[in-house]
Amino acid sequence: NDTALLRLAKNLGDTLEQVDLSWCFGIRDAGLAGLLRCSPTLQFFTIVVVSATDFALDPLCDRFGSACPHLKLLSAKNVKRISDACLWKVAANHHPACVIINYYEERMSV
């Protein structure tokens, strides 16, 4: 759930490099956004079939790239409520080599 995820982010966020939250149905926008804000070393982030929306990725849409500056992979396969528009925004704000996978398992890059 979000409480556990936020606790994880607070205690280990500085050291997390890879997180896979696939099929974690209790995770919502607040937990995901909190994790992203607290994980500056995060490189690989996978969320598959979770109850997230575009708001969960707000920290990655910052045009200054302050959250997760080392991100290499964001996979949001089968996450119905994260739009391609949001993923394009993430792609535009991160290193061109960052691989972003959308709902349909299509690779998105700028």
PDB file of N, CA and C in Angstrom:
ATOM      1  N   ASN A   1       0.830  -1.186   0.000  1.00  0.00           N
ATOM      2  CA  ASN A   1       0.000   0.000   0.000  1.00  0.00           C
ATOM      3  C   ASN A   1       0.875   1.251   0.000  1.00  0.00           C
ATOM      4  N   ASP A   2       0.250   2.408  -0.119  1.00  0.00           N
ATOM      5  CA  ASP A   2       0.999   3.661  -0.186  1.00  0.00           C
ATOM      6  C   ASP A   2       1.825   3.933   1.063  1.00  0.00           C
ATOM      7  N   THR A   3       1.296   3.586   2.221  1.00  0.00           N
ATOM      8  CA  THR A   3       2.026   3.829   3.469  1.00  0.00           C
ATOM      9  C   THR A   3       3.347   3.071   3.485  1.00  0.00           C
ATOM     10  N   ALA A   4       3.308   1.817   3.118  1.00  0.00           N
ATOM     11  CA  ALA A   4       4.533   1.012   3.070  1.00  0.00           C
ATOM     12  C   ALA A   4       5.495   1.541   2.016  1.00  0.00           C
ATOM     13  N   LEU A   5       4.970   1.941   0.870  1.00  0.00           N
ATOM     14  CA  LEU A   5       5.820   2.455  -0.202  1.00  0.00           C
ATOM     15  C   LEU A   5       6.489   3.768   0.211  1.00  0.00           C
ATOM     16  N   LEU A   6       5.753   4.632   0.877  1.00  0.00           N
ATOM     17  CA  LEU A   6       6.335   5.887   1.345  1.00  0.00           C
ATOM     18  C   LEU A   6       7.383   5.655   2.422  1.00  0.00           C
ATOM     19  N   ARG A   7       7.161   4.666   3.262  1.00  0.00           N
ATOM     20  CA  ARG A   7       8.154   4.312   4.279  1.00  0.00           C
ATOM     21  C   ARG A   7       9.424   3.786   3.614  1.00  0.00           C
ATOM     22  N   LEU A   8       9.252   2.954   2.618  1.00  0.00           N
ATOM     23  CA  LEU A   8      10.392   2.438   1.846  1.00  0.00           C
ATOM     24  C   LEU A   8      11.160   3.590   1.207  1.00  0.00           C
ATOM     25  N   ALA A   9      10.438   4.511   0.590  1.00  0.00           N
ATOM     26  CA  ALA A   9      11.074   5.654  -0.065  1.00  0.00           C
ATOM     27  C   ALA A   9      11.851   6.506   0.935  1.00  0.00           C
ATOM     28  N   LYS A  10      11.261   6.737   2.087  1.00  0.00           N
ATOM     29  CA  LYS A  10      11.911   7.562   3.108  1.00  0.00           C
ATOM     30  C   LYS A  10      13.190   6.914   3.622  1.00  0.00           C
ATOM     31  N   ASN A  11      13.153   5.597   3.833  1.00  0.00           N
ATOM     32  CA  ASN A  11      14.297   4.904   4.434  1.00  0.00           C
ATOM     33  C   ASN A  11      15.355   4.450   3.426  1.00  0.00           C
ATOM     34  N   LEU A  12      14.946   4.135   2.205  1.00  0.00           N
ATOM     35  CA  LEU A  12      15.896   3.571   1.239  1.00  0.00           C
ATOM     36  C   LEU A  12      15.982   4.337  -0.072  1.00  0.00           C
ATOM     37  N   GLY A  13      15.201   5.402  -0.211  1.00  0.00           N
ATOM     38  CA  GLY A  13      15.124   6.125  -1.471  1.00  0.00           C
ATOM     39  C   GLY A  13      16.455   6.547  -2.050  1.00  0.00           C
ATOM     40  N   ASP A  14      17.392   6.933  -1.203  1.00  0.00           N
ATOM     41  CA  ASP A  14      18.704   7.376  -1.687  1.00  0.00           C
ATOM     42  C   ASP A  14      19.526   6.262  -2.307  1.00  0.00           C
ATOM     43  N   THR A  15      19.147   5.015  -2.058  1.00  0.00           N
ATOM     44  CA  THR A  15      19.950   3.895  -2.558  1.00  0.00           C
ATOM     45  C   THR A  15      19.239   3.055  -3.612  1.00  0.00           C
ATOM     46  N   LEU A  16      17.964   3.317  -3.855  1.00  0.00           N
ATOM     47  CA  LEU A  16      17.209   2.497  -4.805  1.00  0.00           C
ATOM     48  C   LEU A  16      17.653   2.768  -6.244  1.00  0.00           C
ATOM     49  N   GLU A  17      17.949   1.711  -6.965  1.00  0.00           N
ATOM     50  CA  GLU A  17      18.308   1.832  -8.372  1.00  0.00           C
ATOM     51  C   GLU A  17      17.286   1.149  -9.270  1.00  0.00           C
ATOM     52  N   GLN A  18      16.604   0.121  -8.734  1.00  0.00           N
ATOM     53  CA  GLN A  18      15.640  -0.631  -9.530  1.00  0.00           C
ATOM     54  C   GLN A  18      14.424  -0.949  -8.669  1.00  0.00           C
ATOM     55  N   VAL A  19      13.227  -0.615  -9.199  1.00  0.00           N
ATOM     56  CA  VAL A  19      11.987  -0.891  -8.484  1.00  0.00           C
ATOM     57  C   VAL A  19      10.983  -1.468  -9.471  1.00  0.00           C
ATOM     58  N   ASP A  20      10.396  -2.589  -9.100  1.00  0.00           N
ATOM     59  CA  ASP A  20       9.342  -3.217  -9.899  1.00  0.00           C
ATOM     60  C   ASP A  20       8.117  -3.374  -9.010  1.00  0.00           C
ATOM     61  N   LEU A  21       7.084  -2.620  -9.309  1.00  0.00           N
ATOM     62  CA  LEU A  21       5.844  -2.655  -8.528  1.00  0.00           C
ATOM     63  C   LEU A  21       4.704  -3.265  -9.334  1.00  0.00           C
ATOM     64  N   SER A  22       5.041  -4.158 -10.218  1.00  0.00           N
ATOM     65  CA  SER A  22       4.031  -4.797 -11.057  1.00  0.00           C
ATOM     66  C   SER A  22       3.027  -5.563 -10.208  1.00  0.00           C
ATOM     67  N   TRP A  23       1.778  -5.419 -10.576  1.00  0.00           N
ATOM     68  CA  TRP A  23       0.669  -6.128  -9.950  1.00  0.00           C
ATOM     69  C   TRP A  23       0.469  -5.762  -8.474  1.00  0.00           C
ATOM     70  N   CYS A  24       0.942  -4.609  -8.057  1.00  0.00           N
ATOM     71  CA  CYS A  24       0.739  -4.131  -6.691  1.00  0.00           C
ATOM     72  C   CYS A  24      -0.516  -3.260  -6.674  1.00  0.00           C
ATOM     73  N   PHE A  25      -1.646  -3.881  -6.439  1.00  0.00           N
ATOM     74  CA  PHE A  25      -2.926  -3.205  -6.582  1.00  0.00           C
ATOM     75  C   PHE A  25      -3.193  -2.155  -5.510  1.00  0.00           C
ATOM     76  N   GLY A  26      -2.530  -2.217  -4.377  1.00  0.00           N
ATOM     77  CA  GLY A  26      -2.752  -1.248  -3.311  1.00  0.00           C
ATOM     78  C   GLY A  26      -1.971   0.044  -3.473  1.00  0.00           C
ATOM     79  N   ILE A  27      -1.168   0.134  -4.505  1.00  0.00           N
ATOM     80  CA  ILE A  27      -0.346   1.316  -4.738  1.00  0.00           C
ATOM     81  C   ILE A  27      -1.158   2.341  -5.524  1.00  0.00           C
ATOM     82  N   ARG A  28      -1.120   3.581  -5.074  1.00  0.00           N
ATOM     83  CA  ARG A  28      -1.854   4.657  -5.745  1.00  0.00           C
ATOM     84  C   ARG A  28      -0.885   5.784  -6.126  1.00  0.00           C
ATOM     85  N   ASP A  29      -1.441   6.857  -6.643  1.00  0.00           N
ATOM     86  CA  ASP A  29      -0.633   7.986  -7.118  1.00  0.00           C
ATOM     87  C   ASP A  29       0.288   8.563  -6.051  1.00  0.00           C
ATOM     88  N   ALA A  30      -0.230   8.782  -4.855  1.00  0.00           N
ATOM     89  CA  ALA A  30       0.555   9.419  -3.792  1.00  0.00           C
ATOM     90  C   ALA A  30       1.796   8.596  -3.448  1.00  0.00           C
ATOM     91  N   GLY A  31       1.642   7.292  -3.361  1.00  0.00           N
ATOM     92  CA  GLY A  31       2.772   6.430  -3.048  1.00  0.00           C
ATOM     93  C   GLY A  31       3.816   6.418  -4.143  1.00  0.00           C
ATOM     94  N   LEU A  32       3.362   6.309  -5.379  1.00  0.00           N
ATOM     95  CA  LEU A  32       4.305   6.293  -6.507  1.00  0.00           C
ATOM     96  C   LEU A  32       5.027   7.628  -6.643  1.00  0.00           C
ATOM     97  N   ALA A  33       4.291   8.727  -6.549  1.00  0.00           N
ATOM     98  CA  ALA A  33       4.911  10.048  -6.650  1.00  0.00           C
ATOM     99  C   ALA A  33       5.906  10.267  -5.514  1.00  0.00           C
ATOM    100  N   GLY A  34       5.545   9.841  -4.310  1.00  0.00           N
ATOM    101  CA  GLY A  34       6.462   9.964  -3.175  1.00  0.00           C
ATOM    102  C   GLY A  34       7.737   9.171  -3.383  1.00  0.00           C
ATOM    103  N   LEU A  35       7.604   7.978  -3.911  1.00  0.00           N
ATOM    104  CA  LEU A  35       8.782   7.158  -4.196  1.00  0.00           C
ATOM    105  C   LEU A  35       9.682   7.839  -5.218  1.00  0.00           C
ATOM    106  N   LEU A  36       9.094   8.353  -6.273  1.00  0.00           N
ATOM    107  CA  LEU A  36       9.884   9.007  -7.317  1.00  0.00           C
ATOM    108  C   LEU A  36      10.586  10.251  -6.800  1.00  0.00           C
ATOM    109  N   ARG A  37       9.932  11.002  -5.937  1.00  0.00           N
ATOM    110  CA  ARG A  37      10.545  12.215  -5.378  1.00  0.00           C
ATOM    111  C   ARG A  37      11.728  11.897  -4.464  1.00  0.00           C
ATOM    112  N   CYS A  38      11.698  10.735  -3.830  1.00  0.00           N
ATOM    113  CA  CYS A  38      12.720  10.383  -2.834  1.00  0.00           C
ATOM    114  C   CYS A  38      13.795   9.441  -3.361  1.00  0.00           C
ATOM    115  N   SER A  39      13.827   9.204  -4.669  1.00  0.00           N
ATOM    116  CA  SER A  39      14.748   8.199  -5.220  1.00  0.00           C
ATOM    117  C   SER A  39      15.627   8.772  -6.317  1.00  0.00           C
ATOM    118  N   PRO A  40      16.600   9.604  -5.938  1.00  0.00           N
ATOM    119  CA  PRO A  40      17.433  10.252  -6.946  1.00  0.00           C
ATOM    120  C   PRO A  40      18.336   9.300  -7.730  1.00  0.00           C
ATOM    121  N   THR A  41      18.565   8.104  -7.207  1.00  0.00           N
ATOM    122  CA  THR A  41      19.446   7.154  -7.904  1.00  0.00           C
ATOM    123  C   THR A  41      18.675   6.129  -8.732  1.00  0.00           C
ATOM    124  N   LEU A  42      17.350   6.247  -8.773  1.00  0.00           N
ATOM    125  CA  LEU A  42      16.521   5.276  -9.483  1.00  0.00           C
ATOM    126  C   LEU A  42      16.844   5.269 -10.980  1.00  0.00           C
ATOM    127  N   GLN A  43      17.087   4.063 -11.512  1.00  0.00           N
ATOM    128  CA  GLN A  43      17.417   3.904 -12.925  1.00  0.00           C
ATOM    129  C   GLN A  43      16.366   3.102 -13.683  1.00  0.00           C
ATOM    130  N   PHE A  44      15.760   2.123 -13.034  1.00  0.00           N
ATOM    131  CA  PHE A  44      14.801   1.236 -13.681  1.00  0.00           C
ATOM    132  C   PHE A  44      13.518   1.201 -12.853  1.00  0.00           C
ATOM    133  N   PHE A  45      12.408   1.611 -13.464  1.00  0.00           N
ATOM    134  CA  PHE A  45      11.137   1.709 -12.743  1.00  0.00           C
ATOM    135  C   PHE A  45      10.054   1.030 -13.571  1.00  0.00           C
ATOM    136  N   THR A  46       9.460  -0.027 -13.011  1.00  0.00           N
ATOM    137  CA  THR A  46       8.443  -0.796 -13.712  1.00  0.00           C
ATOM    138  C   THR A  46       7.154  -0.820 -12.905  1.00  0.00           C
ATOM    139  N   ILE A  47       6.077  -0.428 -13.568  1.00  0.00           N
ATOM    140  CA  ILE A  47       4.744  -0.545 -12.983  1.00  0.00           C
ATOM    141  C   ILE A  47       3.857  -1.187 -14.045  1.00  0.00           C
ATOM    142  N   VAL A  48       3.338  -2.344 -13.747  1.00  0.00           N
ATOM    143  CA  VAL A  48       2.468  -3.070 -14.674  1.00  0.00           C
ATOM    144  C   VAL A  48       1.170  -3.381 -13.945  1.00  0.00           C
ATOM    145  N   VAL A  49       0.059  -3.031 -14.550  1.00  0.00           N
ATOM    146  CA  VAL A  49      -1.277  -3.264 -14.004  1.00  0.00           C
ATOM    147  C   VAL A  49      -1.372  -2.747 -12.564  1.00  0.00           C
ATOM    148  N   VAL A  50      -1.146  -1.464 -12.406  1.00  0.00           N
ATOM    149  CA  VAL A  50      -1.345  -0.813 -11.108  1.00  0.00           C
ATOM    150  C   VAL A  50      -2.418   0.255 -11.279  1.00  0.00           C
ATOM    151  N   SER A  51      -2.945   0.734 -10.166  1.00  0.00           N
ATOM    152  CA  SER A  51      -4.016   1.744 -10.196  1.00  0.00           C
ATOM    153  C   SER A  51      -3.428   3.147 -10.143  1.00  0.00           C
ATOM    154  N   ALA A  52      -2.618   3.472 -11.112  1.00  0.00           N
ATOM    155  CA  ALA A  52      -1.963   4.776 -11.149  1.00  0.00           C
ATOM    156  C   ALA A  52      -2.561   5.634 -12.264  1.00  0.00           C
ATOM    157  N   THR A  53      -2.404   6.938 -12.105  1.00  0.00           N
ATOM    158  CA  THR A  53      -2.808   7.881 -13.142  1.00  0.00           C
ATOM    159  C   THR A  53      -1.617   8.769 -13.479  1.00  0.00           C
ATOM    160  N   ASP A  54      -1.834   9.720 -14.363  1.00  0.00           N
ATOM    161  CA  ASP A  54      -0.765  10.649 -14.741  1.00  0.00           C
ATOM    162  C   ASP A  54      -0.161  11.352 -13.526  1.00  0.00           C
ATOM    163  N   PHE A  55      -0.974  11.587 -12.500  1.00  0.00           N
ATOM    164  CA  PHE A  55      -0.487  12.294 -11.314  1.00  0.00           C
ATOM    165  C   PHE A  55       0.656  11.550 -10.622  1.00  0.00           C
ATOM    166  N   ALA A  56       0.704  10.247 -10.745  1.00  0.00           N
ATOM    167  CA  ALA A  56       1.780   9.466 -10.125  1.00  0.00           C
ATOM    168  C   ALA A  56       3.133   9.823 -10.714  1.00  0.00           C
ATOM    169  N   LEU A  57       3.137  10.236 -11.978  1.00  0.00           N
ATOM    170  CA  LEU A  57       4.399  10.534 -12.667  1.00  0.00           C
ATOM    171  C   LEU A  57       4.743  12.020 -12.653  1.00  0.00           C
ATOM    172  N   ASP A  58       3.965  12.819 -11.942  1.00  0.00           N
ATOM    173  CA  ASP A  58       4.243  14.258 -11.868  1.00  0.00           C
ATOM    174  C   ASP A  58       5.705  14.579 -11.557  1.00  0.00           C
ATOM    175  N   PRO A  59       6.342  13.883 -10.608  1.00  0.00           N
ATOM    176  CA  PRO A  59       7.745  14.210 -10.326  1.00  0.00           C
ATOM    177  C   PRO A  59       8.667  14.035 -11.533  1.00  0.00           C
ATOM    178  N   LEU A  60       8.308  13.150 -12.460  1.00  0.00           N
ATOM    179  CA  LEU A  60       9.134  12.922 -13.643  1.00  0.00           C
ATOM    180  C   LEU A  60       8.831  13.909 -14.767  1.00  0.00           C
ATOM    181  N   CYS A  61       7.744  14.652 -14.637  1.00  0.00           N
ATOM    182  CA  CYS A  61       7.345  15.604 -15.674  1.00  0.00           C
ATOM    183  C   CYS A  61       7.958  16.978 -15.459  1.00  0.00           C
ATOM    184  N   ASP A  62       8.671  17.147 -14.379  1.00  0.00           N
ATOM    185  CA  ASP A  62       9.339  18.411 -14.085  1.00  0.00           C
ATOM    186  C   ASP A  62      10.361  18.689 -15.185  1.00  0.00           C
ATOM    187  N   ARG A  63      10.245  19.822 -15.814  1.00  0.00           N
ATOM    188  CA  ARG A  63      11.135  20.105 -16.940  1.00  0.00           C
ATOM    189  C   ARG A  63      12.591  20.273 -16.530  1.00  0.00           C
ATOM    190  N   PHE A  64      12.859  20.357 -15.239  1.00  0.00           N
ATOM    191  CA  PHE A  64      14.231  20.457 -14.769  1.00  0.00           C
ATOM    192  C   PHE A  64      14.826  19.086 -14.459  1.00  0.00           C
ATOM    193  N   GLY A  65      14.027  18.040 -14.587  1.00  0.00           N
ATOM    194  CA  GLY A  65      14.515  16.681 -14.393  1.00  0.00           C
ATOM    195  C   GLY A  65      15.066  16.415 -13.007  1.00  0.00           C
ATOM    196  N   SER A  66      14.493  17.071 -11.998  1.00  0.00           N
ATOM    197  CA  SER A  66      15.044  16.946 -10.650  1.00  0.00           C
ATOM    198  C   SER A  66      14.786  15.583 -10.020  1.00  0.00           C
ATOM    199  N   ALA A  67      13.680  14.934 -10.375  1.00  0.00           N
ATOM    200  CA  ALA A  67      13.391  13.605  -9.830  1.00  0.00           C
ATOM    201  C   ALA A  67      13.959  12.541 -10.754  1.00  0.00           C
ATOM    202  N   CYS A  68      14.690  11.621 -10.190  1.00  0.00           N
ATOM    203  CA  CYS A  68      15.231  10.474 -10.930  1.00  0.00           C
ATOM    204  C   CYS A  68      16.039  10.890 -12.162  1.00  0.00           C
ATOM    205  N   PRO A  69      17.069  11.698 -11.990  1.00  0.00           N
ATOM    206  CA  PRO A  69      17.840  12.171 -13.140  1.00  0.00           C
ATOM    207  C   PRO A  69      18.594  11.070 -13.883  1.00  0.00           C
ATOM    208  N   HIS A  70      18.744   9.903 -13.271  1.00  0.00           N
ATOM    209  CA  HIS A  70      19.489   8.799 -13.897  1.00  0.00           C
ATOM    210  C   HIS A  70      18.563   7.736 -14.497  1.00  0.00           C
ATOM    211  N   LEU A  71      17.292   8.057 -14.619  1.00  0.00           N
ATOM    212  CA  LEU A  71      16.312   7.087 -15.107  1.00  0.00           C
ATOM    213  C   LEU A  71      16.674   6.583 -16.505  1.00  0.00           C
ATOM    214  N   LYS A  72      16.718   5.253 -16.639  1.00  0.00           N
ATOM    215  CA  LYS A  72      17.037   4.617 -17.923  1.00  0.00           C
ATOM    216  C   LYS A  72      15.843   3.870 -18.506  1.00  0.00           C
ATOM    217  N   LEU A  73      14.915   3.446 -17.627  1.00  0.00           N
ATOM    218  CA  LEU A  73      13.740   2.702 -18.078  1.00  0.00           C
ATOM    219  C   LEU A  73      12.536   3.048 -17.208  1.00  0.00           C
ATOM    220  N   LEU A  74      11.438   3.384 -17.877  1.00  0.00           N
ATOM    221  CA  LEU A  74      10.137   3.524 -17.226  1.00  0.00           C
ATOM    222  C   LEU A  74       9.173   2.660 -18.024  1.00  0.00           C
ATOM    223  N   SER A  75       8.693   1.607 -17.409  1.00  0.00           N
ATOM    224  CA  SER A  75       7.749   0.714 -18.076  1.00  0.00           C
ATOM    225  C   SER A  75       6.401   0.822 -17.391  1.00  0.00           C
ATOM    226  N   ALA A  76       5.396   1.257 -18.156  1.00  0.00           N
ATOM    227  CA  ALA A  76       4.028   1.408 -17.642  1.00  0.00           C
ATOM    228  C   ALA A  76       3.074   0.551 -18.472  1.00  0.00           C
ATOM    229  N   LYS A  77       3.475  -0.674 -18.718  1.00  0.00           N
ATOM    230  CA  LYS A  77       2.646  -1.580 -19.517  1.00  0.00           C
ATOM    231  C   LYS A  77       1.342  -1.891 -18.789  1.00  0.00           C
ATOM    232  N   ASN A  78       0.255  -1.863 -19.553  1.00  0.00           N
ATOM    233  CA  ASN A  78      -1.068  -2.201 -19.028  1.00  0.00           C
ATOM    234  C   ASN A  78      -1.509  -1.324 -17.855  1.00  0.00           C
ATOM    235  N   VAL A  79      -1.033  -0.094 -17.813  1.00  0.00           N
ATOM    236  CA  VAL A  79      -1.501   0.878 -16.829  1.00  0.00           C
ATOM    237  C   VAL A  79      -2.437   1.821 -17.581  1.00  0.00           C
ATOM    238  N   LYS A  80      -3.732   1.526 -17.499  1.00  0.00           N
ATOM    239  CA  LYS A  80      -4.733   2.190 -18.332  1.00  0.00           C
ATOM    240  C   LYS A  80      -4.815   3.695 -18.154  1.00  0.00           C
ATOM    241  N   ARG A  81      -4.576   4.168 -16.936  1.00  0.00           N
ATOM    242  CA  ARG A  81      -4.835   5.581 -16.667  1.00  0.00           C
ATOM    243  C   ARG A  81      -3.585   6.457 -16.701  1.00  0.00           C
ATOM    244  N   ILE A  82      -2.496   5.935 -17.229  1.00  0.00           N
ATOM    245  CA  ILE A  82      -1.328   6.776 -17.510  1.00  0.00           C
ATOM    246  C   ILE A  82      -1.326   7.002 -19.016  1.00  0.00           C
ATOM    247  N   SER A  83      -1.502   8.257 -19.394  1.00  0.00           N
ATOM    248  CA  SER A  83      -1.683   8.598 -20.805  1.00  0.00           C
ATOM    249  C   SER A  83      -0.359   8.677 -21.559  1.00  0.00           C
ATOM    250  N   ASP A  84      -0.459   8.512 -22.864  1.00  0.00           N
ATOM    251  CA  ASP A  84       0.716   8.697 -23.709  1.00  0.00           C
ATOM    252  C   ASP A  84       1.225  10.129 -23.609  1.00  0.00           C
ATOM    253  N   ALA A  85       0.323  11.097 -23.457  1.00  0.00           N
ATOM    254  CA  ALA A  85       0.734  12.500 -23.326  1.00  0.00           C
ATOM    255  C   ALA A  85       1.641  12.687 -22.111  1.00  0.00           C
ATOM    256  N   CYS A  86       1.299  12.044 -21.023  1.00  0.00           N
ATOM    257  CA  CYS A  86       2.136  12.114 -19.820  1.00  0.00           C
ATOM    258  C   CYS A  86       3.492  11.455 -20.072  1.00  0.00           C
ATOM    259  N   LEU A  87       3.477  10.302 -20.710  1.00  0.00           N
ATOM    260  CA  LEU A  87       4.735   9.599 -20.987  1.00  0.00           C
ATOM    261  C   LEU A  87       5.612  10.389 -21.955  1.00  0.00           C
ATOM    262  N   TRP A  88       5.020  11.084 -22.911  1.00  0.00           N
ATOM    263  CA  TRP A  88       5.802  11.940 -23.815  1.00  0.00           C
ATOM    264  C   TRP A  88       6.473  13.056 -23.020  1.00  0.00           C
ATOM    265  N   LYS A  89       5.754  13.579 -22.035  1.00  0.00           N
ATOM    266  CA  LYS A  89       6.317  14.640 -21.195  1.00  0.00           C
ATOM    267  C   LYS A  89       7.512  14.115 -20.405  1.00  0.00           C
ATOM    268  N   VAL A  90       7.388  12.912 -19.882  1.00  0.00           N
ATOM    269  CA  VAL A  90       8.506  12.294 -19.165  1.00  0.00           C
ATOM    270  C   VAL A  90       9.682  12.106 -20.122  1.00  0.00           C
ATOM    271  N   ALA A  91       9.396  11.611 -21.315  1.00  0.00           N
ATOM    272  CA  ALA A  91      10.463  11.383 -22.305  1.00  0.00           C
ATOM    273  C   ALA A  91      11.184  12.682 -22.648  1.00  0.00           C
ATOM    274  N   ALA A  92      10.431  13.759 -22.776  1.00  0.00           N
ATOM    275  CA  ALA A  92      11.024  15.047 -23.141  1.00  0.00           C
ATOM    276  C   ALA A  92      11.894  15.627 -22.032  1.00  0.00           C
ATOM    277  N   ASN A  93      11.633  15.226 -20.788  1.00  0.00           N
ATOM    278  CA  ASN A  93      12.352  15.803 -19.652  1.00  0.00           C
ATOM    279  C   ASN A  93      13.493  14.946 -19.133  1.00  0.00           C
ATOM    280  N   HIS A  94      13.757  13.820 -19.776  1.00  0.00           N
ATOM    281  CA  HIS A  94      14.839  12.947 -19.323  1.00  0.00           C
ATOM    282  C   HIS A  94      15.809  12.675 -20.456  1.00  0.00           C
ATOM    283  N   HIS A  95      16.898  12.073 -20.111  1.00  0.00           N
ATOM    284  CA  HIS A  95      17.946  11.762 -21.075  1.00  0.00           C
ATOM    285  C   HIS A  95      17.358  11.038 -22.279  1.00  0.00           C
ATOM    286  N   PRO A  96      17.786  11.393 -23.480  1.00  0.00           N
ATOM    287  CA  PRO A  96      17.239  10.758 -24.683  1.00  0.00           C
ATOM    288  C   PRO A  96      17.375   9.234 -24.704  1.00  0.00           C
ATOM    289  N   ALA A  97      18.306   8.706 -23.966  1.00  0.00           N
ATOM    290  CA  ALA A  97      18.496   7.252 -23.943  1.00  0.00           C
ATOM    291  C   ALA A  97      17.516   6.542 -23.013  1.00  0.00           C
ATOM    292  N   CYS A  98      16.710   7.299 -22.278  1.00  0.00           N
ATOM    293  CA  CYS A  98      15.734   6.696 -21.371  1.00  0.00           C
ATOM    294  C   CYS A  98      14.653   6.005 -22.190  1.00  0.00           C
ATOM    295  N   VAL A  99      14.425   4.736 -21.901  1.00  0.00           N
ATOM    296  CA  VAL A  99      13.408   3.949 -22.600  1.00  0.00           C
ATOM    297  C   VAL A  99      12.110   4.044 -21.814  1.00  0.00           C
ATOM    298  N   ILE A 100      11.047   4.416 -22.517  1.00  0.00           N
ATOM    299  CA  ILE A 100       9.733   4.534 -21.891  1.00  0.00           C
ATOM    300  C   ILE A 100       8.776   3.639 -22.660  1.00  0.00           C
ATOM    301  N   ILE A 101       8.100   2.759 -21.916  1.00  0.00           N
ATOM    302  CA  ILE A 101       7.178   1.792 -22.502  1.00  0.00           C
ATOM    303  C   ILE A 101       5.759   2.152 -22.067  1.00  0.00           C
ATOM    304  N   ASN A 102       4.838   2.268 -23.031  1.00  0.00           N
ATOM    305  CA  ASN A 102       3.472   2.666 -22.709  1.00  0.00           C
ATOM    306  C   ASN A 102       2.561   1.452 -22.495  1.00  0.00           C
ATOM    307  N   TYR A 103       1.280   1.744 -22.342  1.00  0.00           N
ATOM    308  CA  TYR A 103       0.261   0.729 -22.090  1.00  0.00           C
ATOM    309  C   TYR A 103       0.328  -0.427 -23.088  1.00  0.00           C
ATOM    310  N   TYR A 104       0.521  -0.100 -24.350  1.00  0.00           N
ATOM    311  CA  TYR A 104       0.512  -1.104 -25.420  1.00  0.00           C
ATOM    312  C   TYR A 104       1.872  -1.746 -25.665  1.00  0.00           C
ATOM    313  N   GLU A 105       2.790  -1.536 -24.753  1.00  0.00           N
ATOM    314  CA  GLU A 105       4.153  -2.042 -24.836  1.00  0.00           C
ATOM    315  C   GLU A 105       4.923  -1.449 -26.014  1.00  0.00           C
ATOM    316  N   GLU A 106       4.545  -0.207 -26.371  1.00  0.00           N
ATOM    317  CA  GLU A 106       5.258   0.524 -27.409  1.00  0.00           C
ATOM    318  C   GLU A 106       6.346   1.379 -26.770  1.00  0.00           C
ATOM    319  N   ARG A 107       7.482   1.430 -27.419  1.00  0.00           N
ATOM    320  CA  ARG A 107       8.592   2.233 -26.942  1.00  0.00           C
ATOM    321  C   ARG A 107       8.360   3.692 -27.363  1.00  0.00           C
ATOM    322  N   MET A 108       8.531   4.601 -26.414  1.00  0.00           N
ATOM    323  CA  MET A 108       8.327   6.016 -26.691  1.00  0.00           C
ATOM    324  C   MET A 108       9.642   6.751 -26.471  1.00  0.00           C
ATOM    325  N   SER A 109      10.023   7.565 -27.410  1.00  0.00           N
ATOM    326  CA  SER A 109      11.224   8.377 -27.237  1.00  0.00           C
ATOM    327  C   SER A 109      11.070   9.657 -28.052  1.00  0.00           C
ATOM    328  N   VAL A 110      11.840  10.664 -27.662  1.00  0.00           N
ATOM    329  CA  VAL A 110      11.766  11.943 -28.368  1.00  0.00           C
ATOM    330  C   VAL A 110      12.794  11.994 -29.473  1.00  0.00           C
TER     331      VAL A 110
END
